[in-house]
């Protein structure tokens, strides 16, 4: 939840590319220009609060992690294919039950 931002239809909107960038730690604050540009209806609320994004992720491998990471990979291929490849140029695995999450993510059980 982001204080001051409603849920539902009037709430936050994200593209697959923005979501992938959040999980790769390429977007780390809710007032990032890419997020603000997608949310004119709440832009002033996002800009006035310099709130960090806290990403929680599973510690152990799971089918939900595999499904989510496959979604991030497939949904970004048209508009931003370098954002969520199966494997990065440095060898990080980004699709599967167990992946190489960004160091800033919060491990949860």
C-alpha atoms as a PDB file:
ATOM      1  CA  UNK A   1       0.000   0.000   0.000  1.00  0.00           C
ATOM      2  CA  UNK A   2       1.083   3.532  -0.766  1.00  0.00           C
ATOM      3  CA  UNK A   3      -0.334   6.106   1.675  1.00  0.00           C
ATOM      4  CA  UNK A   4      -2.802   8.392  -0.104  1.00  0.00           C
ATOM      5  CA  UNK A   5      -3.157   6.167  -3.172  1.00  0.00           C
ATOM      6  CA  UNK A   6      -6.545   4.461  -3.534  1.00  0.00           C
ATOM      7  CA  UNK A   7      -6.932   0.816  -4.431  1.00  0.00           C
ATOM      8  CA  UNK A   8      -9.032  -0.519  -7.274  1.00  0.00           C
ATOM      9  CA  UNK A   9      -9.766   1.234 -10.553  1.00  0.00           C
ATOM     10  CA  UNK A  10      -8.553   4.632  -9.288  1.00  0.00           C
ATOM     11  CA  UNK A  11      -5.315   3.216  -7.952  1.00  0.00           C
ATOM     12  CA  UNK A  12      -1.802   2.586  -9.193  1.00  0.00           C
ATOM     13  CA  UNK A  13      -1.286   1.437 -12.765  1.00  0.00           C
ATOM     14  CA  UNK A  14       1.860  -0.368 -13.936  1.00  0.00           C
ATOM     15  CA  UNK A  15       2.956  -1.757 -17.277  1.00  0.00           C
ATOM     16  CA  UNK A  16       4.717  -5.132 -17.435  1.00  0.00           C
ATOM     17  CA  UNK A  17       7.958  -3.223 -18.146  1.00  0.00           C
ATOM     18  CA  UNK A  18       7.580  -1.035 -15.052  1.00  0.00           C
ATOM     19  CA  UNK A  19       6.752  -4.065 -12.908  1.00  0.00           C
ATOM     20  CA  UNK A  20       9.795  -5.947 -14.199  1.00  0.00           C
ATOM     21  CA  UNK A  21      12.011  -2.918 -13.517  1.00  0.00           C
ATOM     22  CA  UNK A  22      10.700  -2.811  -9.947  1.00  0.00           C
ATOM     23  CA  UNK A  23      11.622  -6.464  -9.396  1.00  0.00           C
ATOM     24  CA  UNK A  24      15.055  -5.909 -11.015  1.00  0.00           C
ATOM     25  CA  UNK A  25      15.604  -2.864  -8.714  1.00  0.00           C
ATOM     26  CA  UNK A  26      15.865  -0.577 -11.749  1.00  0.00           C
ATOM     27  CA  UNK A  27      12.933   1.405 -10.317  1.00  0.00           C
ATOM     28  CA  UNK A  28      13.281   1.859  -6.546  1.00  0.00           C
ATOM     29  CA  UNK A  29      10.938   4.734  -5.626  1.00  0.00           C
ATOM     30  CA  UNK A  30       7.223   5.272  -6.202  1.00  0.00           C
ATOM     31  CA  UNK A  31       7.921   8.743  -7.612  1.00  0.00           C
ATOM     32  CA  UNK A  32      10.055   7.366 -10.447  1.00  0.00           C
ATOM     33  CA  UNK A  33       9.232   9.254 -13.673  1.00  0.00           C
ATOM     34  CA  UNK A  34       8.129   6.051 -15.426  1.00  0.00           C
ATOM     35  CA  UNK A  35       5.558   5.281 -12.710  1.00  0.00           C
ATOM     36  CA  UNK A  36       4.404   8.900 -12.477  1.00  0.00           C
ATOM     37  CA  UNK A  37       3.893   9.073 -16.264  1.00  0.00           C
ATOM     38  CA  UNK A  38       1.533   6.079 -16.085  1.00  0.00           C
ATOM     39  CA  UNK A  39      -0.489   7.593 -13.241  1.00  0.00           C
ATOM     40  CA  UNK A  40      -1.540  11.169 -14.018  1.00  0.00           C
ATOM     41  CA  UNK A  41      -4.540  10.742 -11.700  1.00  0.00           C
ATOM     42  CA  UNK A  42      -2.278  10.238  -8.637  1.00  0.00           C
ATOM     43  CA  UNK A  43       0.960  11.873  -9.844  1.00  0.00           C
ATOM     44  CA  UNK A  44       0.948  14.642  -7.220  1.00  0.00           C
ATOM     45  CA  UNK A  45       0.574  12.084  -4.405  1.00  0.00           C
ATOM     46  CA  UNK A  46       3.431   9.971  -5.789  1.00  0.00           C
ATOM     47  CA  UNK A  47       5.713  12.992  -6.249  1.00  0.00           C
ATOM     48  CA  UNK A  48       5.151  14.493  -2.803  1.00  0.00           C
ATOM     49  CA  UNK A  49       6.169  11.297  -1.031  1.00  0.00           C
ATOM     50  CA  UNK A  50       9.696  10.026  -1.696  1.00  0.00           C
ATOM     51  CA  UNK A  51       8.747   6.482  -0.694  1.00  0.00           C
ATOM     52  CA  UNK A  52      11.006   3.537  -1.476  1.00  0.00           C
ATOM     53  CA  UNK A  53       9.504   0.453  -3.076  1.00  0.00           C
ATOM     54  CA  UNK A  54       9.931  -2.635  -0.900  1.00  0.00           C
ATOM     55  CA  UNK A  55       9.945  -5.832  -2.936  1.00  0.00           C
ATOM     56  CA  UNK A  56       9.215  -9.079  -1.090  1.00  0.00           C
ATOM     57  CA  UNK A  57      10.069 -12.404  -2.702  1.00  0.00           C
ATOM     58  CA  UNK A  58       9.978 -16.091  -1.844  1.00  0.00           C
ATOM     59  CA  UNK A  59      13.135 -17.549  -0.267  1.00  0.00           C
ATOM     60  CA  UNK A  60      12.528 -21.081  -1.451  1.00  0.00           C
ATOM     61  CA  UNK A  61      11.763 -22.037  -5.008  1.00  0.00           C
ATOM     62  CA  UNK A  62       8.104 -22.381  -5.887  1.00  0.00           C
ATOM     63  CA  UNK A  63       5.774 -22.837  -8.823  1.00  0.00           C
ATOM     64  CA  UNK A  64       4.363 -19.361  -8.131  1.00  0.00           C
ATOM     65  CA  UNK A  65       7.859 -17.892  -8.550  1.00  0.00           C
ATOM     66  CA  UNK A  66       8.258 -19.826 -11.792  1.00  0.00           C
ATOM     67  CA  UNK A  67       4.889 -18.596 -13.085  1.00  0.00           C
ATOM     68  CA  UNK A  68       5.525 -14.975 -12.077  1.00  0.00           C
ATOM     69  CA  UNK A  69       9.031 -14.844 -13.549  1.00  0.00           C
ATOM     70  CA  UNK A  70       7.803 -16.487 -16.771  1.00  0.00           C
ATOM     71  CA  UNK A  71       5.078 -13.799 -16.949  1.00  0.00           C
ATOM     72  CA  UNK A  72       7.678 -11.029 -16.477  1.00  0.00           C
ATOM     73  CA  UNK A  73       9.821 -12.535 -19.223  1.00  0.00           C
ATOM     74  CA  UNK A  74       7.014 -13.081 -21.751  1.00  0.00           C
ATOM     75  CA  UNK A  75       5.152  -9.823 -21.105  1.00  0.00           C
ATOM     76  CA  UNK A  76       8.237  -7.639 -21.571  1.00  0.00           C
ATOM     77  CA  UNK A  77       9.561  -9.144 -24.814  1.00  0.00           C
ATOM     78  CA  UNK A  78       7.766  -6.731 -27.141  1.00  0.00           C
ATOM     79  CA  UNK A  79       8.359  -3.363 -25.407  1.00  0.00           C
ATOM     80  CA  UNK A  80      11.454  -3.865 -23.245  1.00  0.00           C
ATOM     81  CA  UNK A  81      13.091  -7.255 -23.946  1.00  0.00           C
ATOM     82  CA  UNK A  82      16.314  -6.442 -22.083  1.00  0.00           C
ATOM     83  CA  UNK A  83      14.435  -5.799 -18.836  1.00  0.00           C
ATOM     84  CA  UNK A  84      13.632  -9.462 -18.022  1.00  0.00           C
ATOM     85  CA  UNK A  85      15.623 -11.953 -20.136  1.00  0.00           C
ATOM     86  CA  UNK A  86      15.755 -15.637 -19.176  1.00  0.00           C
ATOM     87  CA  UNK A  87      19.430 -15.171 -18.309  1.00  0.00           C
ATOM     88  CA  UNK A  88      21.299 -11.863 -18.105  1.00  0.00           C
ATOM     89  CA  UNK A  89      24.555 -11.164 -19.910  1.00  0.00           C
ATOM     90  CA  UNK A  90      26.333 -11.635 -16.554  1.00  0.00           C
ATOM     91  CA  UNK A  91      24.763 -15.085 -16.100  1.00  0.00           C
ATOM     92  CA  UNK A  92      21.972 -14.248 -13.630  1.00  0.00           C
ATOM     93  CA  UNK A  93      19.015 -16.607 -13.998  1.00  0.00           C
ATOM     94  CA  UNK A  94      15.703 -14.678 -14.103  1.00  0.00           C
ATOM     95  CA  UNK A  95      13.114 -17.334 -15.019  1.00  0.00           C
ATOM     96  CA  UNK A  96      12.297 -20.412 -12.949  1.00  0.00           C
ATOM     97  CA  UNK A  97      11.436 -21.667  -9.461  1.00  0.00           C
ATOM     98  CA  UNK A  98      14.681 -20.267  -8.041  1.00  0.00           C
ATOM     99  CA  UNK A  99      16.189 -17.156  -9.615  1.00  0.00           C
ATOM    100  CA  UNK A 100      18.867 -14.565  -8.876  1.00  0.00           C
ATOM    101  CA  UNK A 101      16.818 -11.778  -7.242  1.00  0.00           C
ATOM    102  CA  UNK A 102      18.169  -8.258  -6.827  1.00  0.00           C
ATOM    103  CA  UNK A 103      20.038  -7.806  -3.543  1.00  0.00           C
ATOM    104  CA  UNK A 104      17.527  -5.165  -2.420  1.00  0.00           C
ATOM    105  CA  UNK A 105      14.590  -7.612  -2.360  1.00  0.00           C
ATOM    106  CA  UNK A 106      13.246  -8.791   0.997  1.00  0.00           C
ATOM    107  CA  UNK A 107      13.390 -12.578   1.421  1.00  0.00           C
ATOM    108  CA  UNK A 108      10.173 -14.053   2.853  1.00  0.00           C
ATOM    109  CA  UNK A 109       8.987 -17.573   3.626  1.00  0.00           C
END
